[in-house]
Amino acid sequence: MNHDAVAQVLKADGQVVPEKPRLKELLYSDLARQYELEGRSDVRPNLIRFLARLLHFRYLPNVICRTGRAAMLGGIPLLPKLCTYLNLVLFGLEVTPKCEIGPGIFFAHPVGCVIGAWKIGRNVSIFQGVGLGALQPDMEFRRETRCIIGDNVVLAAGCKILGPWSIGDNVTVGPNSVVLASIPANQSVLGIPARVVPSSKGISA
């Protein structure tokens, strides 16, 4: 299964639009991404491989947070909060089920991460201590206070993105950087506040 494949549906007016991935598809996409990062892109997820990876500390957090969001979208009471607390206790990872997370998310080191973005795109890599959320307390979880993360973004250790900023596709946010403005696609940023750095310098997560 290609974890970049997107199902499509045909609306009544003939417009083709992406269909939201289901829980199984998202979990298999996450697993395929991990195989790819391990240099085993030829391995395809299936039930046996899912069960074999289930308790891995880089995969179980995905299963828990995605189950919590699926439960929230399905109107199942209590389970979303239970999943949030479970990730927090087991891995030190706080992910709100209100955040839409695309296929292929990879928590390299989940400890200390707080994920309160409005939306995270496909194939995003998140290292330890990353904070995504509002700049001010926002218990209502409003779109206008939350960041949106694009596809193929790398969020290095300790970086913070606070506020209603958009992070473009293929962006790398350097370690301990604080992003206080939107970042266009295909850039690397570093510092407090984060600023674009020449790509020739490179940034390590």
Foldseek 3Di string as FASTA:
>chain_A
DALPDFDWDADPVRDIDTDDDDLVSQLQLQVCLVCVVVVNNVDGDDPVVCVVCCPPPFRVLVNLLSVLLNCVVVVNPPSVVVSQVVCCVPQVAGAHSQEAEEHRETEPRRRQEHHLANYAEYNEYEYHNEYFEFPDDDPPSDLQRGDYEYYPEYEDANEYEHGHEYEEHPEYEAHNEYDDHHHYPPFYWYDDPTDTDDPVVPHDD
